[in-house]
Amino acid sequence: MSRADTESLIRDYYSAFNAGDGEGFLALLSEDVIHDINQGGREKGKKAFAAFLDRMNRSYEEQIVDLAVMVNDSGSRAAAEFIVLGKYLKTDAGLPPAMGQTYRLPAGAFFEVEDGRIARISNFYNLQDWLKQVGA
């Protein structure tokens, strides 16, 4: 893929996320996508990613803003930096109680792209900052 195609793919990924378009979101991923969860494990496969997304959608309402996308020359790798505007709706396992707290969290992600699809997503944000914002 070209740099421009990869940038469009990553922007489409976040646009689908912001629109709550789960099907459109998942269609951008390879079947064996690797997902590195912030301060967590590594999951593999679109099915695992869909389950993760369902859990996130139950506990959080989020929008991505101030998106910046950077792509290498071959279009095979990309990075994104953004702000997550969120609301903590339902208590997530192992985290503080949810009471509708809002948060504004700087975050980033790294991507590998293969055959026009996202093959790896590694997300990063400051968990301690999030915990402070939700009153933990």
Protein backbone atom coordinates (compact mmCIF):
# COMPACT_ATOMS: atom_id res chain seq x y z
CA MET A 1 0.00 0.00 0.00
CA SER A 2 1.08 3.55 -0.53
CA ARG A 3 1.59 5.97 2.34
CA ALA A 4 -1.64 7.74 1.36
CA ASP A 5 -3.61 4.46 1.29
CA THR A 6 -2.30 3.49 4.72
CA GLU A 7 -3.11 6.90 6.15
CA SER A 8 -6.65 6.61 4.76
CA LEU A 9 -6.98 3.12 6.28
CA ILE A 10 -5.96 4.36 9.74
CA ARG A 11 -8.25 7.41 9.49
CA ASP A 12 -11.11 5.12 8.37
CA TYR A 13 -10.41 2.93 11.43
CA TYR A 14 -10.87 5.87 13.80
CA SER A 15 -13.84 7.24 11.85
CA ALA A 16 -15.61 3.88 12.17
CA PHE A 17 -14.73 3.82 15.88
CA ASN A 18 -16.17 7.31 16.41
CA ALA A 19 -19.32 6.42 14.45
CA GLY A 20 -19.88 3.26 16.51
CA ASP A 21 -19.72 1.26 13.27
CA GLY A 22 -18.53 -2.07 14.65
CA GLU A 23 -18.91 -3.93 11.35
CA GLY A 24 -17.05 -1.24 9.43
CA PHE A 25 -14.40 -1.14 12.12
CA LEU A 26 -13.80 -4.90 12.04
CA ALA A 27 -13.81 -4.99 8.22
CA LEU A 28 -10.56 -3.01 8.27
CA LEU A 29 -8.73 -5.74 10.22
CA SER A 30 -7.02 -8.88 8.94
CA GLU A 31 -8.55 -12.18 10.10
CA ASP A 32 -5.47 -12.91 12.24
CA VAL A 33 -5.02 -9.35 13.56
CA ILE A 34 -2.73 -9.00 16.57
CA HIS A 35 -3.97 -6.68 19.31
CA ASP A 36 -1.55 -5.54 22.02
CA ILE A 37 -3.71 -4.23 24.85
CA ASN A 38 -2.34 -1.32 26.87
CA GLN A 39 -0.61 -2.76 29.95
CA GLY A 40 -2.20 -6.10 29.14
CA GLY A 41 -1.73 -9.13 27.00
CA ARG A 42 -1.65 -9.88 23.32
CA GLU A 43 -4.74 -11.23 21.59
CA LYS A 44 -4.87 -12.69 18.11
CA GLY A 45 -7.72 -12.85 15.63
CA LYS A 46 -10.68 -10.77 14.59
CA LYS A 47 -12.99 -12.79 16.86
CA ALA A 48 -10.92 -11.91 19.95
CA PHE A 49 -10.81 -8.26 18.86
CA ALA A 50 -14.60 -8.21 18.44
CA ALA A 51 -15.04 -9.60 21.97
CA PHE A 52 -12.67 -6.93 23.32
CA LEU A 53 -14.62 -4.25 21.46
CA ASP A 54 -17.93 -5.52 22.89
CA ARG A 55 -16.53 -5.34 26.44
CA MET A 56 -15.20 -1.84 25.84
CA ASN A 57 -18.52 -0.67 24.41
CA ARG A 58 -20.33 -1.89 27.53
CA SER A 59 -18.08 0.02 29.92
CA TYR A 60 -16.96 3.09 27.99
CA GLU A 61 -18.30 5.73 25.64
CA GLU A 62 -15.35 7.21 23.76
CA GLN A 63 -14.52 9.53 20.88
CA ILE A 64 -11.14 10.06 19.29
CA VAL A 65 -10.18 13.69 18.60
CA ASP A 66 -7.06 15.59 17.52
CA LEU A 67 -5.91 12.62 15.45
CA ALA A 68 -2.43 12.74 13.90
CA VAL A 69 -1.36 9.84 11.65
CA MET A 70 2.23 9.10 10.62
CA VAL A 71 3.14 6.46 8.02
CA ASN A 72 6.47 4.97 6.93
CA ASP A 73 7.60 5.24 3.31
CA SER A 74 6.40 1.77 2.28
CA GLY A 75 2.98 2.16 3.92
CA SER A 76 3.52 -1.03 5.95
CA ARG A 77 3.59 0.66 9.36
CA ALA A 78 1.84 3.60 10.91
CA ALA A 79 1.46 5.42 14.19
CA ALA A 80 -1.37 7.56 15.50
CA GLU A 81 -1.48 10.06 18.31
CA PHE A 82 -4.80 11.35 19.61
CA ILE A 83 -6.93 12.38 22.54
CA VAL A 84 -9.61 10.05 23.92
CA LEU A 85 -12.68 11.88 25.21
CA GLY A 86 -14.52 9.36 27.31
CA LYS A 87 -17.18 8.51 29.80
CA TYR A 88 -16.85 5.54 32.17
CA LEU A 89 -20.31 3.92 32.08
CA LYS A 90 -20.10 0.49 33.69
CA THR A 91 -17.46 -0.90 36.04
CA ASP A 92 -14.79 -2.81 34.14
CA ALA A 93 -13.28 -5.86 35.88
CA GLY A 94 -10.36 -4.95 38.15
CA LEU A 95 -10.93 -1.20 37.82
CA PRO A 96 -12.61 1.38 40.07
CA PRO A 97 -16.39 1.68 40.17
CA ALA A 98 -17.97 3.48 37.23
CA MET A 99 -20.17 6.45 38.06
CA GLY A 100 -20.33 8.23 34.72
CA GLN A 101 -16.91 9.87 35.18
CA THR A 102 -15.55 11.71 32.17
CA TYR A 103 -11.93 11.75 31.09
CA ARG A 104 -9.61 13.30 28.52
CA LEU A 105 -6.66 11.02 27.87
CA PRO A 106 -3.71 11.40 25.49
CA ALA A 107 -3.04 8.10 23.73
CA GLY A 108 -1.25 6.51 20.83
CA ALA A 109 -1.26 3.41 18.69
CA PHE A 110 1.10 1.59 16.38
CA PHE A 111 -0.06 -0.37 13.35
CA GLU A 112 1.24 -2.92 10.89
CA VAL A 113 -0.58 -3.12 7.57
CA GLU A 114 -0.64 -6.15 5.26
CA ASP A 115 -2.68 -6.69 2.09
CA GLY A 116 -4.73 -3.55 2.66
CA ARG A 117 -5.83 -4.52 6.19
CA ILE A 118 -4.62 -3.72 9.69
CA ALA A 119 -2.56 -6.70 10.88
CA ARG A 120 -1.40 -5.38 14.26
CA ILE A 121 -2.62 -2.71 16.67
CA SER A 122 -0.64 -1.78 19.77
CA ASN A 123 -2.41 0.79 21.97
CA PHE A 124 -0.75 2.91 24.65
CA TYR A 125 -2.01 5.40 27.22
CA ASN A 126 -1.13 6.39 30.77
CA LEU A 127 -3.27 4.17 33.00
CA GLN A 128 -2.30 6.12 36.13
CA ASP A 129 -3.57 9.32 34.50
CA TRP A 130 -6.87 7.60 33.64
CA LEU A 131 -7.21 6.25 37.21
CA LYS A 132 -6.62 9.72 38.62
CA GLN A 133 -9.25 11.22 36.30
CA VAL A 134 -11.90 8.67 37.29
CA GLY A 135 -11.18 9.20 40.98
CA ALA A 136 -9.36 6.01 41.88
